[in-house]
Amino acid sequence: MNFSCRRKSLSQSIPFDWKDKALRGAERVRNRFQEENVEVVLAADETFLKFHERSDTYIVPKGTKRIGSSGKFDDKTGCTLMVTMDMLSSKLVAPMMIFSGGFGIRNQKKYLPVKKTLVLFTPSHWQTSKTTIIYLKYLKTIYHDKRSIGLVWDTVPCHCSDELLDFISHNNKDPTNPRFVVENVDE
């Protein structure tokens, strides 16, 4: 009947001139990538995936007295998924998944047989500068035959950290590595 059950929600405010800002940002990125002779254009973003989705509302037969679940759910249990799109080939790049757990090789060894996904662990499942650097190294293995990789992503702290910028600078000085040309999406 064209109705839906919704909960109250908040969202970011969208500026009235969003389209003009998006067009200017796209032109800025395009010009930089052309100046830098970028061979691969990647757009990346991370999102949180909940393991236990549940709803506060249910559709039930009229007259039903008790509704719900006795199970306890932790709404913060989940993982971070980094999705990357190769814009020139219109293909998704193998994703990175970050689960809660100790950072290091012990946990990750269990997941080495997993193909086409980079599986990492951090104490809080959030992306960090270290996991971002590991992801860039992963991209270098995928695009080892390219001279330059253009990457567009947002301005979360791990994408702008001194540690990451130092890694990119050091990487770009080595002519045997593909160069990273990074542009951030305007806020």
N, C-alpha and C. Protein backbone atom coordinates (compact mmCIF):
# COMPACT_ATOMS: atom_id res chain seq x y z
N MET A 1 0.82 -1.19 0.00
CA MET A 1 0.00 0.00 0.00
C MET A 1 0.86 1.26 0.00
N ASN A 2 2.14 1.12 -0.40
CA ASN A 2 3.08 2.24 -0.49
C ASN A 2 3.40 2.88 0.86
N PHE A 3 3.40 2.11 1.95
CA PHE A 3 3.83 2.58 3.25
C PHE A 3 4.98 1.70 3.71
N SER A 4 5.80 2.23 4.59
CA SER A 4 6.88 1.42 5.15
C SER A 4 7.03 1.77 6.63
N CYS A 5 7.53 0.85 7.40
CA CYS A 5 7.82 1.09 8.81
C CYS A 5 9.22 1.67 8.89
N ARG A 6 9.37 2.81 9.55
CA ARG A 6 10.67 3.48 9.65
C ARG A 6 10.92 3.90 11.08
N ARG A 7 12.17 3.92 11.45
CA ARG A 7 12.58 4.49 12.73
C ARG A 7 13.10 5.87 12.48
N LYS A 8 13.18 6.68 13.53
CA LYS A 8 13.77 8.00 13.40
C LYS A 8 15.22 7.84 12.96
N SER A 9 15.69 8.70 12.11
CA SER A 9 17.09 8.61 11.68
C SER A 9 17.65 10.00 11.45
N LEU A 10 18.93 10.11 11.64
CA LEU A 10 19.65 11.35 11.37
C LEU A 10 20.56 11.12 10.18
N SER A 11 20.79 12.16 9.43
CA SER A 11 21.73 12.03 8.32
C SER A 11 22.56 13.29 8.22
N GLN A 12 23.62 13.21 7.45
CA GLN A 12 24.44 14.38 7.23
C GLN A 12 23.65 15.37 6.39
N SER A 13 23.90 16.65 6.64
CA SER A 13 23.21 17.64 5.81
C SER A 13 23.88 17.70 4.45
N ILE A 14 23.09 17.87 3.44
CA ILE A 14 23.58 17.94 2.08
C ILE A 14 23.51 19.40 1.65
N PRO A 15 24.63 19.99 1.22
CA PRO A 15 24.59 21.40 0.82
C PRO A 15 23.70 21.58 -0.41
N PHE A 16 23.07 22.75 -0.50
CA PHE A 16 22.16 23.01 -1.61
C PHE A 16 22.88 22.98 -2.95
N ASP A 17 24.19 23.30 -2.95
CA ASP A 17 24.95 23.33 -4.20
C ASP A 17 25.80 22.07 -4.39
N TRP A 18 25.28 20.92 -3.89
CA TRP A 18 26.04 19.68 -3.93
C TRP A 18 26.46 19.30 -5.34
N LYS A 19 25.60 19.53 -6.31
CA LYS A 19 25.92 19.12 -7.68
C LYS A 19 27.10 19.92 -8.23
N ASP A 20 27.10 21.24 -8.01
CA ASP A 20 28.22 22.07 -8.47
C ASP A 20 29.52 21.65 -7.80
N LYS A 21 29.44 21.39 -6.48
CA LYS A 21 30.64 20.94 -5.75
C LYS A 21 31.14 19.60 -6.28
N ALA A 22 30.22 18.69 -6.57
CA ALA A 22 30.62 17.38 -7.10
C ALA A 22 31.26 17.52 -8.48
N LEU A 23 30.71 18.38 -9.32
CA LEU A 23 31.29 18.58 -10.66
C LEU A 23 32.68 19.21 -10.57
N ARG A 24 32.84 20.21 -9.69
CA ARG A 24 34.16 20.83 -9.52
C ARG A 24 35.18 19.82 -8.96
N GLY A 25 34.74 19.01 -8.00
CA GLY A 25 35.63 18.00 -7.44
C GLY A 25 36.05 16.97 -8.48
N ALA A 26 35.09 16.53 -9.29
CA ALA A 26 35.40 15.56 -10.35
C ALA A 26 36.37 16.15 -11.36
N GLU A 27 36.19 17.42 -11.70
CA GLU A 27 37.10 18.08 -12.64
C GLU A 27 38.50 18.18 -12.06
N ARG A 28 38.59 18.52 -10.77
CA ARG A 28 39.89 18.61 -10.09
C ARG A 28 40.61 17.27 -10.13
N VAL A 29 39.89 16.19 -9.79
CA VAL A 29 40.49 14.85 -9.80
C VAL A 29 40.91 14.46 -11.21
N ARG A 30 40.03 14.67 -12.17
CA ARG A 30 40.32 14.31 -13.57
C ARG A 30 41.56 15.05 -14.07
N ASN A 31 41.65 16.35 -13.80
CA ASN A 31 42.82 17.13 -14.25
C ASN A 31 44.10 16.63 -13.61
N ARG A 32 44.07 16.36 -12.32
CA ARG A 32 45.28 15.87 -11.64
C ARG A 32 45.71 14.52 -12.18
N PHE A 33 44.76 13.62 -12.36
CA PHE A 33 45.09 12.29 -12.87
C PHE A 33 45.64 12.36 -14.29
N GLN A 34 45.13 13.28 -15.10
CA GLN A 34 45.67 13.46 -16.45
C GLN A 34 47.09 14.03 -16.39
N GLU A 35 47.32 15.03 -15.53
CA GLU A 35 48.65 15.62 -15.38
C GLU A 35 49.67 14.58 -14.91
N GLU A 36 49.24 13.67 -14.06
CA GLU A 36 50.13 12.66 -13.47
C GLU A 36 50.20 11.38 -14.31
N ASN A 37 49.53 11.36 -15.47
CA ASN A 37 49.51 10.18 -16.35
C ASN A 37 49.08 8.91 -15.61
N VAL A 38 48.02 9.01 -14.84
CA VAL A 38 47.51 7.87 -14.09
C VAL A 38 46.98 6.81 -15.05
N GLU A 39 47.38 5.55 -14.81
CA GLU A 39 46.96 4.45 -15.68
C GLU A 39 45.76 3.69 -15.13
N VAL A 40 45.58 3.71 -13.83
CA VAL A 40 44.49 3.00 -13.17
C VAL A 40 43.78 4.00 -12.27
N VAL A 41 42.46 4.06 -12.35
CA VAL A 41 41.67 4.95 -11.50
C VAL A 41 40.82 4.09 -10.57
N LEU A 42 41.09 4.22 -9.27
CA LEU A 42 40.37 3.45 -8.26
C LEU A 42 39.58 4.38 -7.36
N ALA A 43 38.36 3.98 -7.03
CA ALA A 43 37.55 4.68 -6.05
C ALA A 43 37.30 3.70 -4.90
N ALA A 44 37.60 4.11 -3.67
CA ALA A 44 37.51 3.20 -2.54
C ALA A 44 36.75 3.83 -1.38
N ASP A 45 36.05 2.99 -0.64
CA ASP A 45 35.37 3.44 0.57
C ASP A 45 35.16 2.24 1.48
N GLU A 46 35.10 2.51 2.77
CA GLU A 46 34.88 1.43 3.71
C GLU A 46 33.51 1.60 4.35
N THR A 47 32.95 0.46 4.76
CA THR A 47 31.65 0.46 5.42
C THR A 47 31.66 -0.59 6.51
N PHE A 48 30.80 -0.42 7.48
CA PHE A 48 30.68 -1.36 8.59
C PHE A 48 29.56 -2.34 8.29
N LEU A 49 29.83 -3.62 8.48
CA LEU A 49 28.82 -4.66 8.30
C LEU A 49 28.50 -5.27 9.66
N LYS A 50 27.24 -5.22 10.05
CA LYS A 50 26.81 -5.84 11.31
C LYS A 50 26.66 -7.34 11.10
N PHE A 51 27.04 -8.11 12.11
CA PHE A 51 26.85 -9.55 12.03
C PHE A 51 25.43 -9.96 12.39
N HIS A 52 24.80 -9.20 13.28
CA HIS A 52 23.47 -9.59 13.78
C HIS A 52 22.49 -8.45 13.53
N GLU A 53 21.95 -8.40 12.33
CA GLU A 53 20.94 -7.40 12.03
C GLU A 53 19.66 -7.77 12.75
N ARG A 54 19.02 -6.80 13.32
CA ARG A 54 17.72 -7.05 13.92
C ARG A 54 16.89 -5.79 13.81
N SER A 55 15.62 -5.96 13.94
CA SER A 55 14.71 -4.85 13.78
C SER A 55 13.94 -4.62 15.06
N ASP A 56 13.55 -3.38 15.29
CA ASP A 56 12.69 -3.07 16.42
C ASP A 56 11.23 -3.18 16.06
N THR A 57 10.93 -3.35 14.79
CA THR A 57 9.55 -3.48 14.35
C THR A 57 9.38 -4.79 13.59
N TYR A 58 8.18 -5.35 13.68
CA TYR A 58 7.88 -6.61 13.02
C TYR A 58 6.52 -6.51 12.35
N ILE A 59 6.32 -7.25 11.31
CA ILE A 59 5.00 -7.38 10.71
C ILE A 59 4.48 -8.74 11.15
N VAL A 60 3.36 -8.73 11.90
CA VAL A 60 2.82 -9.96 12.49
C VAL A 60 1.30 -9.98 12.30
N PRO A 61 0.71 -11.14 12.43
CA PRO A 61 -0.75 -11.22 12.33
C PRO A 61 -1.42 -10.39 13.44
N LYS A 62 -2.52 -9.78 13.12
CA LYS A 62 -3.29 -9.02 14.12
C LYS A 62 -3.64 -9.92 15.29
N GLY A 63 -3.57 -9.34 16.48
CA GLY A 63 -3.92 -10.08 17.68
C GLY A 63 -2.75 -10.77 18.35
N THR A 64 -1.57 -10.78 17.72
CA THR A 64 -0.40 -11.41 18.32
C THR A 64 -0.03 -10.62 19.57
N LYS A 65 0.18 -11.32 20.69
CA LYS A 65 0.41 -10.67 21.97
C LYS A 65 1.88 -10.34 22.23
N ARG A 66 2.76 -11.29 22.04
CA ARG A 66 4.17 -11.08 22.39
C ARG A 66 5.04 -11.27 21.16
N ILE A 67 5.93 -10.31 20.98
CA ILE A 67 6.78 -10.31 19.79
C ILE A 67 8.20 -10.00 20.22
N GLY A 68 9.18 -10.67 19.64
CA GLY A 68 10.56 -10.33 19.93
C GLY A 68 11.43 -11.55 20.05
N SER A 69 12.61 -11.31 20.55
CA SER A 69 13.60 -12.37 20.67
C SER A 69 14.22 -12.29 22.06
N SER A 70 14.53 -13.43 22.62
CA SER A 70 15.19 -13.44 23.92
C SER A 70 16.71 -13.42 23.76
N GLY A 71 17.19 -13.53 22.53
CA GLY A 71 18.64 -13.51 22.29
C GLY A 71 19.23 -12.13 22.52
N LYS A 72 20.46 -12.11 22.99
CA LYS A 72 21.16 -10.84 23.20
C LYS A 72 22.06 -10.58 22.01
N PHE A 73 22.00 -9.36 21.49
CA PHE A 73 22.79 -9.00 20.33
C PHE A 73 23.65 -7.80 20.66
N ASP A 74 24.86 -7.83 20.17
CA ASP A 74 25.76 -6.69 20.31
C ASP A 74 25.73 -5.96 18.97
N ASP A 75 25.17 -4.75 18.96
CA ASP A 75 25.04 -3.99 17.72
C ASP A 75 26.39 -3.56 17.15
N LYS A 76 27.46 -3.68 17.93
CA LYS A 76 28.77 -3.26 17.45
C LYS A 76 29.61 -4.43 16.95
N THR A 77 29.04 -5.64 16.94
CA THR A 77 29.77 -6.80 16.45
C THR A 77 29.65 -6.83 14.93
N GLY A 78 30.78 -6.83 14.28
CA GLY A 78 30.78 -6.85 12.82
C GLY A 78 32.18 -6.70 12.29
N CYS A 79 32.28 -6.21 11.09
CA CYS A 79 33.59 -6.02 10.47
C CYS A 79 33.54 -4.80 9.55
N THR A 80 34.71 -4.31 9.22
CA THR A 80 34.82 -3.23 8.24
C THR A 80 35.16 -3.84 6.89
N LEU A 81 34.48 -3.38 5.87
CA LEU A 81 34.71 -3.86 4.51
C LEU A 81 35.18 -2.69 3.66
N MET A 82 36.35 -2.82 3.05
CA MET A 82 36.87 -1.81 2.13
C MET A 82 36.58 -2.28 0.72
N VAL A 83 35.74 -1.53 0.03
CA VAL A 83 35.36 -1.87 -1.34
C VAL A 83 36.04 -0.89 -2.28
N THR A 84 36.64 -1.42 -3.35
CA THR A 84 37.35 -0.59 -4.31
C THR A 84 36.89 -0.93 -5.72
N MET A 85 36.62 0.11 -6.49
CA MET A 85 36.16 -0.06 -7.87
C MET A 85 37.24 0.43 -8.83
N ASP A 86 37.60 -0.40 -9.79
CA ASP A 86 38.49 0.01 -10.86
C ASP A 86 37.61 0.71 -11.89
N MET A 87 37.71 2.02 -11.93
CA MET A 87 36.78 2.83 -12.71
C MET A 87 36.96 2.65 -14.23
N LEU A 88 38.16 2.30 -14.68
CA LEU A 88 38.38 2.18 -16.12
C LEU A 88 37.92 0.83 -16.67
N SER A 89 37.93 -0.20 -15.81
CA SER A 89 37.47 -1.51 -16.27
C SER A 89 36.07 -1.84 -15.77
N SER A 90 35.52 -0.99 -14.89
CA SER A 90 34.20 -1.22 -14.28
C SER A 90 34.15 -2.54 -13.53
N LYS A 91 35.24 -2.86 -12.83
CA LYS A 91 35.29 -4.10 -12.05
C LYS A 91 35.64 -3.78 -10.61
N LEU A 92 35.11 -4.60 -9.70
CA LEU A 92 35.47 -4.48 -8.30
C LEU A 92 36.82 -5.14 -8.07
N VAL A 93 37.65 -4.48 -7.29
CA VAL A 93 38.94 -5.02 -6.88
C VAL A 93 38.68 -5.91 -5.66
N ALA A 94 39.51 -6.91 -5.47
CA ALA A 94 39.36 -7.78 -4.31
C ALA A 94 39.28 -6.93 -3.04
N PRO A 95 38.30 -7.17 -2.18
CA PRO A 95 38.09 -6.31 -1.01
C PRO A 95 39.04 -6.61 0.14
N MET A 96 39.04 -5.70 1.10
CA MET A 96 39.75 -5.91 2.36
C MET A 96 38.68 -5.98 3.45
N MET A 97 38.78 -6.98 4.32
CA MET A 97 37.87 -7.11 5.45
C MET A 97 38.70 -7.04 6.73
N ILE A 98 38.22 -6.25 7.68
CA ILE A 98 38.93 -6.11 8.96
C ILE A 98 37.99 -6.57 10.07
N PHE A 99 38.42 -7.62 10.77
CA PHE A 99 37.65 -8.17 11.89
C PHE A 99 38.27 -7.74 13.20
N SER A 100 37.50 -7.89 14.29
CA SER A 100 38.04 -7.63 15.62
C SER A 100 38.96 -8.77 16.00
N GLY A 101 40.09 -8.43 16.55
CA GLY A 101 41.06 -9.44 16.97
C GLY A 101 42.42 -8.81 17.08
N GLY A 102 43.37 -9.58 17.53
CA GLY A 102 44.73 -9.06 17.65
C GLY A 102 45.35 -8.80 16.29
N PHE A 103 45.98 -7.63 16.16
CA PHE A 103 46.66 -7.30 14.92
C PHE A 103 47.91 -8.16 14.83
N GLY A 104 48.16 -8.73 13.68
CA GLY A 104 49.37 -9.51 13.50
C GLY A 104 49.15 -10.74 12.66
N ILE A 105 50.22 -11.44 12.44
CA ILE A 105 50.24 -12.54 11.49
C ILE A 105 49.52 -13.78 12.00
N ARG A 106 49.47 -13.98 13.33
CA ARG A 106 48.87 -15.21 13.86
C ARG A 106 47.41 -15.38 13.41
N ASN A 107 46.59 -14.35 13.62
CA ASN A 107 45.19 -14.43 13.18
C ASN A 107 45.10 -14.49 11.66
N GLN A 108 45.92 -13.70 10.99
CA GLN A 108 45.81 -13.61 9.54
C GLN A 108 46.25 -14.87 8.83
N LYS A 109 47.13 -15.66 9.42
CA LYS A 109 47.57 -16.92 8.79
C LYS A 109 46.40 -17.85 8.52
N LYS A 110 45.41 -17.83 9.43
CA LYS A 110 44.24 -18.70 9.24
C LYS A 110 43.50 -18.36 7.96
N TYR A 111 43.60 -17.10 7.53
CA TYR A 111 42.81 -16.65 6.39
C TYR A 111 43.63 -16.50 5.11
N LEU A 112 44.88 -16.91 5.12
CA LEU A 112 45.70 -16.84 3.92
C LEU A 112 45.13 -17.65 2.76
N PRO A 113 44.50 -18.81 3.03
CA PRO A 113 43.91 -19.55 1.91
C PRO A 113 42.72 -18.84 1.26
N VAL A 114 42.14 -17.84 1.93
CA VAL A 114 41.01 -17.12 1.35
C VAL A 114 41.52 -16.35 0.15
N LYS A 115 40.98 -16.64 -1.01
CA LYS A 115 41.42 -16.00 -2.24
C LYS A 115 40.57 -14.78 -2.53
N LYS A 116 41.17 -13.81 -3.16
CA LYS A 116 40.49 -12.60 -3.62
C LYS A 116 39.88 -11.77 -2.51
N THR A 117 40.40 -11.88 -1.31
CA THR A 117 40.01 -11.02 -0.20
C THR A 117 41.21 -10.88 0.72
N LEU A 118 41.49 -9.66 1.12
CA LEU A 118 42.54 -9.41 2.11
C LEU A 118 41.87 -9.37 3.46
N VAL A 119 42.22 -10.28 4.36
CA VAL A 119 41.60 -10.37 5.68
C VAL A 119 42.61 -9.90 6.72
N LEU A 120 42.22 -8.88 7.49
CA LEU A 120 43.08 -8.32 8.53
C LEU A 120 42.32 -8.26 9.85
N PHE A 121 43.06 -7.99 10.93
CA PHE A 121 42.47 -7.89 12.26
C PHE A 121 43.02 -6.66 12.96
N THR A 122 42.14 -5.96 13.67
CA THR A 122 42.53 -4.88 14.57
C THR A 122 41.71 -5.06 15.84
N PRO A 123 42.14 -4.46 16.94
CA PRO A 123 41.37 -4.63 18.19
C PRO A 123 39.91 -4.20 18.08
N SER A 124 39.62 -3.21 17.25
CA SER A 124 38.25 -2.69 17.19
C SER A 124 37.60 -2.88 15.82
N HIS A 125 38.19 -3.63 14.92
CA HIS A 125 37.74 -3.87 13.55
C HIS A 125 37.72 -2.61 12.69
N TRP A 126 38.23 -1.48 13.15
CA TRP A 126 38.25 -0.27 12.35
C TRP A 126 39.53 -0.20 11.54
N GLN A 127 39.47 0.46 10.41
CA GLN A 127 40.64 0.65 9.58
C GLN A 127 41.59 1.61 10.28
N THR A 128 42.87 1.32 10.21
CA THR A 128 43.92 2.14 10.81
C THR A 128 44.92 2.53 9.73
N SER A 129 45.88 3.37 10.10
CA SER A 129 46.94 3.71 9.15
C SER A 129 47.70 2.47 8.71
N LYS A 130 47.97 1.57 9.65
CA LYS A 130 48.70 0.34 9.32
C LYS A 130 47.92 -0.54 8.34
N THR A 131 46.62 -0.72 8.57
CA THR A 131 45.84 -1.55 7.65
C THR A 131 45.68 -0.86 6.30
N THR A 132 45.65 0.46 6.30
CA THR A 132 45.57 1.18 5.02
C THR A 132 46.85 1.00 4.23
N ILE A 133 47.99 1.03 4.89
CA ILE A 133 49.27 0.79 4.22
C ILE A 133 49.32 -0.64 3.67
N ILE A 134 48.85 -1.60 4.46
CA ILE A 134 48.81 -2.98 3.98
C ILE A 134 47.92 -3.08 2.73
N TYR A 135 46.81 -2.35 2.74
CA TYR A 135 45.92 -2.37 1.58
C TYR A 135 46.60 -1.76 0.35
N LEU A 136 47.34 -0.67 0.53
CA LEU A 136 48.06 -0.08 -0.61
C LEU A 136 49.11 -1.05 -1.14
N LYS A 137 49.79 -1.76 -0.25
CA LYS A 137 50.76 -2.77 -0.70
C LYS A 137 50.04 -3.88 -1.49
N TYR A 138 48.86 -4.22 -1.03
CA TYR A 138 48.03 -5.21 -1.72
C TYR A 138 47.66 -4.73 -3.12
N LEU A 139 47.28 -3.44 -3.22
CA LEU A 139 46.96 -2.87 -4.54
C LEU A 139 48.19 -2.89 -5.45
N LYS A 140 49.38 -2.67 -4.88
CA LYS A 140 50.61 -2.73 -5.68
C LYS A 140 50.81 -4.11 -6.28
N THR A 141 50.43 -5.16 -5.56
CA THR A 141 50.59 -6.51 -6.11
C THR A 141 49.59 -6.75 -7.24
N ILE A 142 48.41 -6.19 -7.11
CA ILE A 142 47.39 -6.37 -8.14
C ILE A 142 47.77 -5.60 -9.41
N TYR A 143 48.30 -4.38 -9.24
CA TYR A 143 48.63 -3.51 -10.37
C TYR A 143 50.15 -3.35 -10.53
N HIS A 144 50.88 -4.43 -10.32
CA HIS A 144 52.34 -4.40 -10.36
C HIS A 144 52.89 -3.98 -11.72
N ASP A 145 52.10 -4.18 -12.76
CA ASP A 145 52.57 -3.86 -14.12
C ASP A 145 52.25 -2.42 -14.54
N LYS A 146 51.67 -1.64 -13.66
CA LYS A 146 51.32 -0.25 -13.97
C LYS A 146 52.35 0.70 -13.37
N ARG A 147 52.48 1.87 -13.99
CA ARG A 147 53.42 2.88 -13.47
C ARG A 147 52.78 3.80 -12.44
N SER A 148 51.44 3.95 -12.52
CA SER A 148 50.78 4.86 -11.58
C SER A 148 49.35 4.41 -11.31
N ILE A 149 48.95 4.60 -10.05
CA ILE A 149 47.62 4.22 -9.59
C ILE A 149 46.97 5.47 -9.01
N GLY A 150 45.86 5.88 -9.60
CA GLY A 150 45.09 6.99 -9.05
C GLY A 150 44.05 6.44 -8.09
N LEU A 151 43.99 7.03 -6.90
CA LEU A 151 43.08 6.53 -5.86
C LEU A 151 42.26 7.69 -5.32
N VAL A 152 40.94 7.52 -5.35
CA VAL A 152 40.02 8.53 -4.81
C VAL A 152 39.31 7.91 -3.61
N TRP A 153 39.41 8.59 -2.45
CA TRP A 153 38.71 8.13 -1.26
C TRP A 153 38.41 9.30 -0.35
N ASP A 154 37.75 9.01 0.78
CA ASP A 154 37.34 10.08 1.68
C ASP A 154 38.47 10.51 2.61
N THR A 155 38.17 11.43 3.51
CA THR A 155 39.21 12.03 4.35
C THR A 155 39.19 11.52 5.78
N VAL A 156 38.88 10.26 5.97
CA VAL A 156 38.96 9.71 7.33
C VAL A 156 40.41 9.79 7.80
N PRO A 157 40.63 9.86 9.11
CA PRO A 157 42.00 10.06 9.62
C PRO A 157 43.05 9.08 9.09
N CYS A 158 42.69 7.80 8.92
CA CYS A 158 43.70 6.84 8.45
C CYS A 158 44.09 7.08 7.00
N HIS A 159 43.30 7.82 6.23
CA HIS A 159 43.64 8.14 4.83
C HIS A 159 44.49 9.40 4.74
N CYS A 160 44.62 10.13 5.83
CA CYS A 160 45.34 11.41 5.82
C CYS A 160 46.46 11.45 6.85
N SER A 161 46.75 10.33 7.48
CA SER A 161 47.73 10.31 8.57
C SER A 161 49.15 10.54 8.05
N ASP A 162 50.00 11.06 8.91
CA ASP A 162 51.41 11.26 8.55
C ASP A 162 52.06 9.93 8.17
N GLU A 163 51.72 8.87 8.90
CA GLU A 163 52.28 7.55 8.62
C GLU A 163 51.95 7.10 7.19
N LEU A 164 50.71 7.29 6.78
CA LEU A 164 50.31 6.89 5.43
C LEU A 164 50.95 7.79 4.38
N LEU A 165 50.95 9.10 4.62
CA LEU A 165 51.54 10.02 3.64
C LEU A 165 53.04 9.77 3.49
N ASP A 166 53.73 9.42 4.60
CA ASP A 166 55.15 9.06 4.52
C ASP A 166 55.35 7.79 3.69
N PHE A 167 54.47 6.80 3.89
CA PHE A 167 54.55 5.57 3.11
C PHE A 167 54.41 5.87 1.62
N ILE A 168 53.40 6.67 1.27
CA ILE A 168 53.16 7.00 -0.14
C ILE A 168 54.36 7.75 -0.72
N SER A 169 54.89 8.70 0.03
CA SER A 169 56.05 9.48 -0.44
C SER A 169 57.25 8.56 -0.67
N HIS A 170 57.53 7.69 0.29
CA HIS A 170 58.66 6.75 0.16
C HIS A 170 58.43 5.79 -1.01
N ASN A 171 57.21 5.27 -1.14
CA ASN A 171 56.87 4.36 -2.24
C ASN A 171 57.08 5.03 -3.59
N ASN A 172 56.65 6.29 -3.70
CA ASN A 172 56.70 6.98 -4.99
C ASN A 172 58.12 7.35 -5.41
N LYS A 173 59.07 7.30 -4.50
CA LYS A 173 60.47 7.59 -4.84
C LYS A 173 61.16 6.39 -5.48
N ASP A 174 60.60 5.21 -5.32
CA ASP A 174 61.18 3.98 -5.86
C ASP A 174 60.60 3.73 -7.26
N PRO A 175 61.43 3.86 -8.31
CA PRO A 175 60.91 3.72 -9.67
C PRO A 175 60.42 2.31 -10.02
N THR A 176 60.72 1.32 -9.17
CA THR A 176 60.24 -0.04 -9.44
C THR A 176 58.81 -0.25 -8.94
N ASN A 177 58.30 0.69 -8.14
CA ASN A 177 56.94 0.59 -7.62
C ASN A 177 55.97 1.40 -8.48
N PRO A 178 54.71 0.96 -8.55
CA PRO A 178 53.72 1.86 -9.14
C PRO A 178 53.54 3.06 -8.20
N ARG A 179 53.44 4.23 -8.77
CA ARG A 179 53.24 5.46 -7.99
C ARG A 179 51.79 5.59 -7.58
N PHE A 180 51.53 6.10 -6.37
CA PHE A 180 50.17 6.39 -5.93
C PHE A 180 49.91 7.87 -6.09
N VAL A 181 48.83 8.21 -6.77
CA VAL A 181 48.34 9.59 -6.87
C VAL A 181 47.00 9.59 -6.16
N VAL A 182 46.95 10.22 -4.99
CA VAL A 182 45.77 10.16 -4.15
C VAL A 182 45.02 11.47 -4.17
N GLU A 183 43.72 11.37 -4.35
CA GLU A 183 42.82 12.53 -4.27
C GLU A 183 41.71 12.18 -3.29
N ASN A 184 41.32 13.16 -2.49
CA ASN A 184 40.25 12.96 -1.52
C ASN A 184 38.95 13.53 -2.06
N VAL A 185 37.86 12.85 -1.75
CA VAL A 185 36.54 13.35 -2.08
C VAL A 185 36.31 14.57 -1.20
N ASP A 186 35.76 15.63 -1.78
CA ASP A 186 35.46 16.82 -1.00
C ASP A 186 34.44 16.48 0.08
N GLU A 187 34.62 17.11 1.24
CA GLU A 187 33.70 16.83 2.35
C GLU A 187 32.31 17.35 2.05
